[in-house]
C-alpha atoms as a PDB file:
ATOM      1  CA  MET A   1     149.214 248.281 148.878  1.00  0.00           C
ATOM      2  CA  SER A   2     149.893 246.122 151.937  1.00  0.00           C
ATOM      3  CA  GLY A   3     152.325 243.241 151.795  1.00  0.00           C
ATOM      4  CA  PRO A   4     151.291 239.584 152.130  1.00  0.00           C
ATOM      5  CA  GLY A   5     150.730 238.233 155.632  1.00  0.00           C
ATOM      6  CA  LYS A   6     150.520 241.533 157.538  1.00  0.00           C
ATOM      7  CA  SER A   7     147.794 244.069 156.754  1.00  0.00           C
ATOM      8  CA  THR A   8     149.789 246.914 158.343  1.00  0.00           C
ATOM      9  CA  ARG A   9     152.840 246.428 156.111  1.00  0.00           C
ATOM     10  CA  ASN A  10     153.504 248.466 153.001  1.00  0.00           C
ATOM     11  CA  GLY A  11     154.019 246.209 150.021  1.00  0.00           C
ATOM     12  CA  ILE A  12     155.301 246.815 146.504  1.00  0.00           C
ATOM     13  CA  SER A  13     153.224 245.876 143.471  1.00  0.00           C
ATOM     14  CA  LEU A  14     154.850 244.563 140.299  1.00  0.00           C
ATOM     15  CA  THR A  15     153.989 247.833 138.573  1.00  0.00           C
ATOM     16  CA  GLU A  16     155.728 249.788 141.328  1.00  0.00           C
ATOM     17  CA  LEU A  17     158.684 247.393 141.259  1.00  0.00           C
ATOM     18  CA  PHE A  18     159.407 248.091 137.600  1.00  0.00           C
ATOM     19  CA  GLU A  19     159.060 251.829 138.244  1.00  0.00           C
ATOM     20  CA  ILE A  20     161.580 251.580 141.097  1.00  0.00           C
ATOM     21  CA  PHE A  21     164.011 249.555 138.963  1.00  0.00           C
ATOM     22  CA  PRO A  22     163.627 250.794 135.364  1.00  0.00           C
ATOM     23  CA  ASP A  23     167.234 249.932 134.440  1.00  0.00           C
ATOM     24  CA  ASP A  24     170.525 248.527 135.696  1.00  0.00           C
ATOM     25  CA  GLN A  25     171.892 251.916 136.731  1.00  0.00           C
ATOM     26  CA  THR A  26     168.970 252.594 139.077  1.00  0.00           C
ATOM     27  CA  ALA A  27     169.243 249.100 140.564  1.00  0.00           C
ATOM     28  CA  GLU A  28     172.996 249.522 141.076  1.00  0.00           C
ATOM     29  CA  ARG A  29     172.362 252.744 142.982  1.00  0.00           C
ATOM     30  CA  TRP A  30     169.798 250.934 145.142  1.00  0.00           C
ATOM     31  CA  PHE A  31     172.332 248.241 146.040  1.00  0.00           C
ATOM     32  CA  HIS A  32     174.880 250.984 146.790  1.00  0.00           C
ATOM     33  CA  ASP A  33     172.504 252.827 149.140  1.00  0.00           C
ATOM     34  CA  SER A  34     171.425 249.576 150.832  1.00  0.00           C
ATOM     35  CA  ARG A  35     175.024 248.547 151.475  1.00  0.00           C
ATOM     36  CA  TRP A  36     176.564 251.970 152.136  1.00  0.00           C
ATOM     37  CA  PRO A  37     173.866 254.411 153.307  1.00  0.00           C
ATOM     38  CA  ASP A  38     176.562 256.891 154.416  1.00  0.00           C
ATOM     39  CA  GLY A  39     178.823 256.531 151.377  1.00  0.00           C
ATOM     40  CA  ALA A  40     181.020 253.852 149.846  1.00  0.00           C
ATOM     41  CA  ILE A  41     183.443 251.963 152.100  1.00  0.00           C
ATOM     42  CA  CYS A  42     186.346 250.019 150.647  1.00  0.00           C
ATOM     43  CA  PRO A  43     185.636 246.271 151.110  1.00  0.00           C
ATOM     44  CA  HIS A  44     189.374 245.577 151.039  1.00  0.00           C
ATOM     45  CA  CYS A  45     190.591 247.866 153.853  1.00  0.00           C
ATOM     46  CA  ASP A  46     187.396 249.487 155.274  1.00  0.00           C
ATOM     47  CA  SER A  47     188.576 252.957 154.327  1.00  0.00           C
ATOM     48  CA  GLY A  48     186.051 255.673 153.571  1.00  0.00           C
ATOM     49  CA  ASN A  49     188.552 257.551 151.421  1.00  0.00           C
ATOM     50  CA  VAL A  50     187.007 256.394 148.175  1.00  0.00           C
ATOM     51  CA  GLN A  51     187.032 257.860 144.693  1.00  0.00           C
ATOM     52  CA  THR A  52     183.681 257.384 142.971  1.00  0.00           C
ATOM     53  CA  GLY A  53     182.801 257.492 139.307  1.00  0.00           C
ATOM     54  CA  ALA A  54     186.111 255.992 138.191  1.00  0.00           C
ATOM     55  CA  SER A  55     186.286 255.354 134.437  1.00  0.00           C
ATOM     56  CA  HIS A  56     186.221 251.578 134.614  1.00  0.00           C
ATOM     57  CA  PRO A  57     183.581 249.369 132.963  1.00  0.00           C
ATOM     58  CA  THR A  58     182.859 247.218 136.060  1.00  0.00           C
ATOM     59  CA  MET A  59     184.761 248.781 138.990  1.00  0.00           C
ATOM     60  CA  PRO A  60     183.510 252.365 139.462  1.00  0.00           C
ATOM     61  CA  TYR A  61     185.135 252.852 142.888  1.00  0.00           C
ATOM     62  CA  ARG A  62     188.807 253.202 143.779  1.00  0.00           C
ATOM     63  CA  CYS A  63     190.216 253.301 147.303  1.00  0.00           C
ATOM     64  CA  ARG A  64     192.735 256.113 147.739  1.00  0.00           C
ATOM     65  CA  ASP A  65     194.369 254.277 150.660  1.00  0.00           C
ATOM     66  CA  CYS A  66     194.893 250.700 149.435  1.00  0.00           C
ATOM     67  CA  ARG A  67     194.527 251.770 145.762  1.00  0.00           C
ATOM     68  CA  LYS A  68     192.283 248.825 144.897  1.00  0.00           C
ATOM     69  CA  ARG A  69     189.264 249.093 142.648  1.00  0.00           C
ATOM     70  CA  PHE A  70     185.886 247.649 143.586  1.00  0.00           C
ATOM     71  CA  SER A  71     182.188 247.686 142.844  1.00  0.00           C
ATOM     72  CA  VAL A  72     179.075 247.224 144.932  1.00  0.00           C
ATOM     73  CA  ARG A  73     179.314 243.503 144.080  1.00  0.00           C
ATOM     74  CA  THR A  74     182.798 243.129 145.595  1.00  0.00           C
ATOM     75  CA  GLY A  75     182.794 241.067 148.782  1.00  0.00           C
ATOM     76  CA  THR A  76     179.193 239.915 148.345  1.00  0.00           C
ATOM     77  CA  ALA A  77     177.380 236.877 146.996  1.00  0.00           C
ATOM     78  CA  MET A  78     176.926 238.883 143.778  1.00  0.00           C
ATOM     79  CA  ALA A  79     180.671 238.846 143.070  1.00  0.00           C
ATOM     80  CA  ASP A  80     181.552 237.555 139.590  1.00  0.00           C
ATOM     81  CA  SER A  81     177.873 237.339 138.627  1.00  0.00           C
ATOM     82  CA  LYS A  82     177.189 238.204 135.009  1.00  0.00           C
ATOM     83  CA  LEU A  83     173.543 238.977 135.771  1.00  0.00           C
ATOM     84  CA  GLY A  84     172.566 242.637 135.808  1.00  0.00           C
ATOM     85  CA  TYR A  85     171.741 244.550 138.981  1.00  0.00           C
ATOM     86  CA  ARG A  86     168.108 244.884 137.867  1.00  0.00           C
ATOM     87  CA  THR A  87     167.824 241.104 137.526  1.00  0.00           C
ATOM     88  CA  TRP A  88     169.243 240.683 141.020  1.00  0.00           C
ATOM     89  CA  ALA A  89     166.835 243.245 142.500  1.00  0.00           C
ATOM     90  CA  ILE A  90     163.775 241.670 140.844  1.00  0.00           C
ATOM     91  CA  ALA A  91     164.913 238.200 141.957  1.00  0.00           C
ATOM     92  CA  ILE A  92     165.239 239.433 145.553  1.00  0.00           C
ATOM     93  CA  TYR A  93     161.701 240.797 145.346  1.00  0.00           C
ATOM     94  CA  LEU A  94     160.305 237.517 143.993  1.00  0.00           C
ATOM     95  CA  VAL A  95     162.052 235.343 146.595  1.00  0.00           C
ATOM     96  CA  THR A  96     161.208 237.728 149.446  1.00  0.00           C
ATOM     97  CA  THR A  97     157.508 238.047 148.659  1.00  0.00           C
ATOM     98  CA  SER A  98     156.822 234.402 147.773  1.00  0.00           C
ATOM     99  CA  LEU A  99     155.789 232.928 151.113  1.00  0.00           C
ATOM    100  CA  LYS A 100     156.203 229.337 149.920  1.00  0.00           C
ATOM    101  CA  GLY A 101     159.385 230.088 147.986  1.00  0.00           C
ATOM    102  CA  VAL A 102     159.948 230.292 144.252  1.00  0.00           C
ATOM    103  CA  SER A 103     161.492 227.530 142.155  1.00  0.00           C
ATOM    104  CA  SER A 104     164.435 228.016 139.840  1.00  0.00           C
ATOM    105  CA  LEU A 105     162.177 227.066 136.922  1.00  0.00           C
ATOM    106  CA  LYS A 106     159.847 229.965 137.707  1.00  0.00           C
ATOM    107  CA  LEU A 107     162.779 232.352 138.158  1.00  0.00           C
ATOM    108  CA  HIS A 108     164.146 231.124 134.829  1.00  0.00           C
ATOM    109  CA  ARG A 109     160.854 232.024 133.127  1.00  0.00           C
ATOM    110  CA  ASP A 110     160.181 235.288 134.993  1.00  0.00           C
ATOM    111  CA  LEU A 111     163.719 236.694 134.634  1.00  0.00           C
ATOM    112  CA  ASN A 112     164.439 235.330 131.133  1.00  0.00           C
ATOM    113  CA  ILE A 113     167.671 233.664 132.226  1.00  0.00           C
ATOM    114  CA  THR A 114     168.784 230.030 132.036  1.00  0.00           C
ATOM    115  CA  GLN A 115     167.534 227.581 134.656  1.00  0.00           C
ATOM    116  CA  LYS A 116     171.150 226.958 135.674  1.00  0.00           C
ATOM    117  CA  SER A 117     171.667 230.679 136.338  1.00  0.00           C
ATOM    118  CA  ALA A 118     168.334 230.900 138.164  1.00  0.00           C
ATOM    119  CA  TRP A 119     169.238 227.970 140.440  1.00  0.00           C
ATOM    120  CA  HIS A 120     172.608 229.520 141.308  1.00  0.00           C
ATOM    121  CA  LEU A 121     170.983 232.935 141.805  1.00  0.00           C
ATOM    122  CA  ALA A 122     168.344 231.570 144.188  1.00  0.00           C
ATOM    123  CA  HIS A 123     170.911 229.768 146.325  1.00  0.00           C
ATOM    124  CA  ARG A 124     173.063 232.896 146.541  1.00  0.00           C
ATOM    125  CA  ILE A 125     170.063 234.906 147.719  1.00  0.00           C
ATOM    126  CA  ARG A 126     169.403 232.236 150.373  1.00  0.00           C
ATOM    127  CA  GLU A 127     172.906 232.885 151.706  1.00  0.00           C
ATOM    128  CA  ALA A 128     171.653 236.301 152.846  1.00  0.00           C
ATOM    129  CA  TRP A 129     169.444 234.608 155.462  1.00  0.00           C
ATOM    130  CA  GLY A 130     172.157 232.322 156.809  1.00  0.00           C
ATOM    131  CA  ASP A 131     172.727 234.150 160.108  1.00  0.00           C
ATOM    132  CA  HIS A 132     170.412 233.296 163.015  1.00  0.00           C
ATOM    133  CA  GLY A 133     171.932 235.532 165.660  1.00  0.00           C
ATOM    134  CA  ASP A 134     173.728 234.440 168.790  1.00  0.00           C
ATOM    135  CA  GLU A 135     171.619 236.036 171.518  1.00  0.00           C
ATOM    136  CA  PRO A 136     169.963 233.338 173.682  1.00  0.00           C
ATOM    137  CA  ILE A 137     166.172 233.299 173.565  1.00  0.00           C
ATOM    138  CA  ARG A 138     164.832 234.329 176.979  1.00  0.00           C
ATOM    139  CA  GLY A 139     161.536 232.645 176.354  1.00  0.00           C
ATOM    140  CA  PRO A 140     158.970 231.404 176.366  1.00  0.00           C
ATOM    141  CA  VAL A 141     160.382 229.228 173.607  1.00  0.00           C
ATOM    142  CA  GLU A 142     158.790 226.379 171.670  1.00  0.00           C
ATOM    143  CA  VAL A 143     160.991 223.563 170.335  1.00  0.00           C
ATOM    144  CA  ASP A 144     160.037 220.842 167.891  1.00  0.00           C
ATOM    145  CA  GLU A 145     161.366 218.677 165.074  1.00  0.00           C
ATOM    146  CA  ALA A 146     160.217 218.205 161.499  1.00  0.00           C
ATOM    147  CA  PHE A 147     161.173 215.733 158.794  1.00  0.00           C
ATOM    148  CA  ILE A 148     161.680 216.467 155.114  1.00  0.00           C
ATOM    149  CA  GLY A 149     161.499 213.713 152.516  1.00  0.00           C
ATOM    150  CA  GLY A 150     159.227 211.514 150.489  1.00  0.00           C
ATOM    151  CA  LYS A 151     155.853 210.331 151.694  1.00  0.00           C
ATOM    152  CA  GLU A 152     155.283 206.697 152.602  1.00  0.00           C
ATOM    153  CA  LYS A 153     152.559 206.311 149.955  1.00  0.00           C
ATOM    154  CA  ASN A 154     154.950 207.472 147.223  1.00  0.00           C
ATOM    155  CA  LYS A 155     157.631 204.841 147.918  1.00  0.00           C
ATOM    156  CA  HIS A 156     158.296 202.015 145.507  1.00  0.00           C
ATOM    157  CA  GLU A 157     156.834 198.704 146.566  1.00  0.00           C
ATOM    158  CA  TYR A 158     160.293 197.173 147.128  1.00  0.00           C
ATOM    159  CA  GLN A 159     161.100 199.952 149.621  1.00  0.00           C
ATOM    160  CA  ARG A 160     157.957 199.253 151.608  1.00  0.00           C
ATOM    161  CA  ARG A 161     158.662 195.503 151.555  1.00  0.00           C
ATOM    162  CA  ALA A 162     162.176 196.225 152.836  1.00  0.00           C
ATOM    163  CA  GLY A 163     160.670 197.866 155.890  1.00  0.00           C
ATOM    164  CA  ARG A 164     161.790 201.430 155.152  1.00  0.00           C
ATOM    165  CA  VAL A 165     159.032 203.125 157.114  1.00  0.00           C
ATOM    166  CA  GLY A 166     158.622 206.077 159.420  1.00  0.00           C
ATOM    167  CA  THR A 167     161.269 208.818 159.495  1.00  0.00           C
ATOM    168  CA  SER A 168     164.359 206.637 158.970  1.00  0.00           C
ATOM    169  CA  ASP A 169     164.985 207.840 155.420  1.00  0.00           C
ATOM    170  CA  ARG A 170     163.880 211.426 155.896  1.00  0.00           C
ATOM    171  CA  ILE A 171     165.988 214.398 156.999  1.00  0.00           C
ATOM    172  CA  ALA A 172     165.419 215.840 160.457  1.00  0.00           C
ATOM    173  CA  ILE A 173     165.249 219.564 161.224  1.00  0.00           C
ATOM    174  CA  VAL A 174     164.945 221.052 164.695  1.00  0.00           C
ATOM    175  CA  GLY A 175     163.549 224.502 165.366  1.00  0.00           C
ATOM    176  CA  ALA A 176     162.798 226.962 168.141  1.00  0.00           C
ATOM    177  CA  LYS A 177     160.291 229.807 168.162  1.00  0.00           C
ATOM    178  CA  ASP A 178     160.570 232.776 170.504  1.00  0.00           C
ATOM    179  CA  ARG A 179     157.029 233.588 171.568  1.00  0.00           C
ATOM    180  CA  ALA A 180     158.053 237.101 172.665  1.00  0.00           C
ATOM    181  CA  THR A 181     159.286 238.155 169.212  1.00  0.00           C
ATOM    182  CA  GLY A 182     157.726 235.497 166.981  1.00  0.00           C
ATOM    183  CA  LYS A 183     161.132 234.769 165.445  1.00  0.00           C
ATOM    184  CA  VAL A 184     162.275 231.291 164.488  1.00  0.00           C
ATOM    185  CA  ARG A 185     165.637 229.528 164.453  1.00  0.00           C
ATOM    186  CA  ALA A 186     166.018 226.207 162.677  1.00  0.00           C
ATOM    187  CA  GLU A 187     168.844 223.829 161.842  1.00  0.00           C
ATOM    188  CA  VAL A 188     169.196 220.683 159.753  1.00  0.00           C
ATOM    189  CA  ILE A 189     170.423 217.851 161.996  1.00  0.00           C
ATOM    190  CA  GLY A 190     170.052 214.804 159.742  1.00  0.00           C
ATOM    191  CA  GLN A 191     168.720 212.451 162.429  1.00  0.00           C
ATOM    192  CA  ALA A 192     166.721 213.430 165.493  1.00  0.00           C
ATOM    193  CA  LYS A 193     169.116 212.019 168.071  1.00  0.00           C
ATOM    194  CA  ALA A 194     168.431 212.964 171.688  1.00  0.00           C
ATOM    195  CA  PRO A 195     171.825 214.606 172.475  1.00  0.00           C
ATOM    196  CA  VAL A 196     171.585 216.737 169.321  1.00  0.00           C
ATOM    197  CA  LEU A 197     168.082 217.950 170.209  1.00  0.00           C
ATOM    198  CA  ARG A 198     169.101 218.857 173.749  1.00  0.00           C
ATOM    199  CA  ASN A 199     172.226 220.670 172.575  1.00  0.00           C
ATOM    200  CA  PHE A 200     170.114 222.705 170.151  1.00  0.00           C
ATOM    201  CA  VAL A 201     167.935 223.890 173.049  1.00  0.00           C
ATOM    202  CA  ARG A 202     171.011 224.707 175.144  1.00  0.00           C
ATOM    203  CA  LYS A 203     172.504 226.656 172.260  1.00  0.00           C
ATOM    204  CA  HIS A 204     169.463 228.831 171.567  1.00  0.00           C
ATOM    205  CA  ALA A 205     167.496 229.102 174.843  1.00  0.00           C
ATOM    206  CA  ALA A 206     168.731 231.125 177.812  1.00  0.00           C
ATOM    207  CA  PRO A 207     169.344 229.084 180.987  1.00  0.00           C
ATOM    208  CA  GLY A 208     166.180 228.879 183.054  1.00  0.00           C
ATOM    209  CA  ALA A 209     163.922 229.920 180.159  1.00  0.00           C
ATOM    210  CA  GLN A 210     160.414 228.537 179.828  1.00  0.00           C
ATOM    211  CA  VAL A 211     160.641 225.790 177.208  1.00  0.00           C
ATOM    212  CA  TYR A 212     157.641 224.049 175.663  1.00  0.00           C
ATOM    213  CA  SER A 213     157.965 220.819 173.680  1.00  0.00           C
ATOM    214  CA  ASP A 214     155.965 217.774 172.690  1.00  0.00           C
ATOM    215  CA  GLY A 215     156.343 214.504 174.573  1.00  0.00           C
ATOM    216  CA  HIS A 216     159.599 213.484 172.899  1.00  0.00           C
ATOM    217  CA  GLY A 217     161.681 211.836 175.618  1.00  0.00           C
ATOM    218  CA  ALA A 218     164.839 213.568 174.384  1.00  0.00           C
ATOM    219  CA  TYR A 219     163.713 216.801 176.066  1.00  0.00           C
ATOM    220  CA  PHE A 220     162.932 215.348 179.524  1.00  0.00           C
ATOM    221  CA  PRO A 221     166.522 215.675 180.861  1.00  0.00           C
ATOM    222  CA  LEU A 222     166.280 219.447 180.290  1.00  0.00           C
ATOM    223  CA  ASP A 223     163.921 219.798 183.255  1.00  0.00           C
ATOM    224  CA  GLY A 224     166.693 220.840 185.630  1.00  0.00           C
ATOM    225  CA  GLU A 225     168.199 223.420 183.266  1.00  0.00           C
ATOM    226  CA  PHE A 226     164.993 225.008 181.979  1.00  0.00           C
ATOM    227  CA  ARG A 227     161.397 225.393 183.101  1.00  0.00           C
ATOM    228  CA  HIS A 228     160.240 222.632 180.803  1.00  0.00           C
ATOM    229  CA  LYS A 229     156.634 221.709 180.064  1.00  0.00           C
ATOM    230  CA  TYR A 230     155.316 219.421 177.359  1.00  0.00           C
ATOM    231  CA  VAL A 231     152.168 218.075 175.736  1.00  0.00           C
ATOM    232  CA  GLN A 232     151.819 214.431 174.812  1.00  0.00           C
ATOM    233  CA  HIS A 233     150.748 214.388 171.162  1.00  0.00           C
ATOM    234  CA  SER A 234     150.728 210.591 171.149  1.00  0.00           C
ATOM    235  CA  VAL A 235     147.609 210.550 173.338  1.00  0.00           C
ATOM    236  CA  GLY A 236     145.847 213.254 171.345  1.00  0.00           C
ATOM    237  CA  THR A 237     146.715 216.232 173.556  1.00  0.00           C
ATOM    238  CA  TYR A 238     147.947 219.297 171.658  1.00  0.00           C
ATOM    239  CA  ALA A 239     147.483 222.187 174.090  1.00  0.00           C
ATOM    240  CA  ILE A 240     147.076 222.640 177.830  1.00  0.00           C
ATOM    241  CA  GLU A 241     146.605 226.379 178.352  1.00  0.00           C
ATOM    242  CA  GLN A 242     149.979 227.907 177.351  1.00  0.00           C
ATOM    243  CA  THR A 243     151.684 224.537 176.983  1.00  0.00           C
ATOM    244  CA  HIS A 244     151.786 223.814 173.246  1.00  0.00           C
ATOM    245  CA  THR A 245     154.054 223.952 170.207  1.00  0.00           C
ATOM    246  CA  ASN A 246     151.534 225.407 167.789  1.00  0.00           C
ATOM    247  CA  GLY A 247     153.770 228.295 166.788  1.00  0.00           C
ATOM    248  CA  ILE A 248     156.767 226.286 165.608  1.00  0.00           C
ATOM    249  CA  GLU A 249     154.452 223.722 164.017  1.00  0.00           C
ATOM    250  CA  SER A 250     152.891 226.533 161.982  1.00  0.00           C
ATOM    251  CA  PHE A 251     156.378 227.331 160.676  1.00  0.00           C
ATOM    252  CA  TRP A 252     156.918 223.667 159.755  1.00  0.00           C
ATOM    253  CA  SER A 253     153.603 223.733 157.907  1.00  0.00           C
ATOM    254  CA  MET A 254     154.771 226.626 155.714  1.00  0.00           C
ATOM    255  CA  LEU A 255     158.118 224.930 155.040  1.00  0.00           C
ATOM    256  CA  LYS A 256     156.390 221.698 154.013  1.00  0.00           C
ATOM    257  CA  ARG A 257     153.945 223.545 151.760  1.00  0.00           C
ATOM    258  CA  GLY A 258     156.943 225.107 150.052  1.00  0.00           C
ATOM    259  CA  TYR A 259     158.544 221.679 149.716  1.00  0.00           C
ATOM    260  CA  SER A 260     155.479 220.064 148.147  1.00  0.00           C
ATOM    261  CA  GLY A 261     154.108 223.070 146.253  1.00  0.00           C
ATOM    262  CA  ALA A 262     157.131 224.978 144.926  1.00  0.00           C
ATOM    263  CA  PHE A 263     160.265 222.841 145.064  1.00  0.00           C
ATOM    264  CA  HIS A 264     159.044 219.201 145.184  1.00  0.00           C
ATOM    265  CA  GLN A 265     162.517 218.166 146.329  1.00  0.00           C
ATOM    266  CA  MET A 266     165.148 219.593 148.666  1.00  0.00           C
ATOM    267  CA  SER A 267     168.395 217.650 148.669  1.00  0.00           C
ATOM    268  CA  GLU A 268     170.137 217.100 151.980  1.00  0.00           C
ATOM    269  CA  LYS A 269     173.199 218.888 150.643  1.00  0.00           C
ATOM    270  CA  HIS A 270     171.291 222.152 150.067  1.00  0.00           C
ATOM    271  CA  LEU A 271     168.503 221.778 152.639  1.00  0.00           C
ATOM    272  CA  SER A 272     170.120 224.118 155.171  1.00  0.00           C
ATOM    273  CA  ARG A 273     169.819 227.012 152.703  1.00  0.00           C
ATOM    274  CA  TYR A 274     166.131 226.334 152.096  1.00  0.00           C
ATOM    275  CA  VAL A 275     165.551 226.213 155.861  1.00  0.00           C
ATOM    276  CA  SER A 276     167.452 229.501 156.283  1.00  0.00           C
ATOM    277  CA  GLU A 277     165.308 231.053 153.547  1.00  0.00           C
ATOM    278  CA  PHE A 278     162.017 230.088 155.205  1.00  0.00           C
ATOM    279  CA  ALA A 279     163.241 231.144 158.660  1.00  0.00           C
ATOM    280  CA  GLY A 280     164.621 234.424 157.337  1.00  0.00           C
ATOM    281  CA  ARG A 281     161.444 235.253 155.442  1.00  0.00           C
ATOM    282  CA  HIS A 282     159.345 234.358 158.493  1.00  0.00           C
ATOM    283  CA  ASN A 283     161.458 236.574 160.748  1.00  0.00           C
ATOM    284  CA  GLN A 284     161.060 239.579 158.416  1.00  0.00           C
ATOM    285  CA  ARG A 285     157.263 239.416 158.225  1.00  0.00           C
ATOM    286  CA  SER A 286     156.738 242.598 160.233  1.00  0.00           C
ATOM    287  CA  LEU A 287     158.864 244.721 157.865  1.00  0.00           C
ATOM    288  CA  ASP A 288     157.669 246.615 154.812  1.00  0.00           C
ATOM    289  CA  THR A 289     158.577 244.906 151.541  1.00  0.00           C
ATOM    290  CA  ALA A 290     161.142 247.603 150.706  1.00  0.00           C
ATOM    291  CA  GLU A 291     162.941 247.055 154.011  1.00  0.00           C
ATOM    292  CA  GLN A 292     162.778 243.277 153.583  1.00  0.00           C
ATOM    293  CA  MET A 293     164.540 243.669 150.250  1.00  0.00           C
ATOM    294  CA  ARG A 294     167.156 246.016 151.695  1.00  0.00           C
ATOM    295  CA  SER A 295     167.779 243.533 154.497  1.00  0.00           C
ATOM    296  CA  VAL A 296     168.440 240.778 151.957  1.00  0.00           C
ATOM    297  CA  ALA A 297     170.754 243.074 149.959  1.00  0.00           C
ATOM    298  CA  ARG A 298     172.747 243.801 153.128  1.00  0.00           C
ATOM    299  CA  GLY A 299     172.761 240.103 153.993  1.00  0.00           C
ATOM    300  CA  LEU A 300     174.604 239.320 150.750  1.00  0.00           C
ATOM    301  CA  VAL A 301     177.664 241.187 152.057  1.00  0.00           C
ATOM    302  CA  GLY A 302     180.412 238.869 153.242  1.00  0.00           C
ATOM    303  CA  LYS A 303     178.852 235.832 151.548  1.00  0.00           C
ATOM    304  CA  ARG A 304     180.247 233.808 148.680  1.00  0.00           C
ATOM    305  CA  LEU A 305     178.809 230.830 146.828  1.00  0.00           C
ATOM    306  CA  GLN A 306     180.379 229.715 143.586  1.00  0.00           C
ATOM    307  CA  TYR A 307     178.580 227.394 141.184  1.00  0.00           C
ATOM    308  CA  ARG A 308     181.200 224.683 141.524  1.00  0.00           C
ATOM    309  CA  GLU A 309     180.475 224.560 145.280  1.00  0.00           C
ATOM    310  CA  LEU A 310     176.827 223.782 144.524  1.00  0.00           C
ATOM    311  CA  ILE A 311     177.550 220.881 142.192  1.00  0.00           C
ATOM    312  CA  SER A 312     180.663 219.407 143.845  1.00  0.00           C
END
């Protein structure tokens, strides 16, 4: 069975998923092999001199060098989680294969856990996609902004009378798409101020790269640093040969469909994780579902997100 979005990918059906993860022990072994394909490494001192199968209810590994015990959860976003490994693996599958995202209410129903646990679980999985990579994009690269927030027609009458129109009360995101690889990088910036937009391009695009944007005046000063071309959407022009931003706008379209169709609300405090999730899922589209899941499992290493951080 092929995975969603790419006919050449190998997917995993729900029937196959439950055969792969019949119990917690099998899922724990899968997390072990995803994290340590060549054998367990101590997360405390990086030693490979590890005793396995230790008689401990939650810490089956013991480092012979630093003498500390650990499990496959140690040093990952799964640390201190009371949810079983099988629940984690199934949740990773659901979040990875749901192109528009999956709400905590659906995870709560599908995994038979509380909505509070499902919400925390989903945000911890999003942490796995938090790294964009530091290599500059050589181009061609498309840059554009998007805005997340309520629609004008849904505002209360007093808000419209007060003149709260346009994008002033919505949250700005800026993104770049590498046409060579199809990969996307996106960041929440709050307000689309010109210096912030230009600095985003400088951060992610290699000097002299071909940069395509819309007619936003913030990008015009980049002409001397990059080979910059733009299309003026305000006059109804959306493409002039290779000059367009259709690729990054397609990514925004998926993000907004997730916002309106799955989540209905993304608070500014947590928006960066949702953006990382959609960018990470987009960037893994060419991988088989099994490798997508392994990539997320590896991405949990070195991450930490406690519940009190989410609600503080």
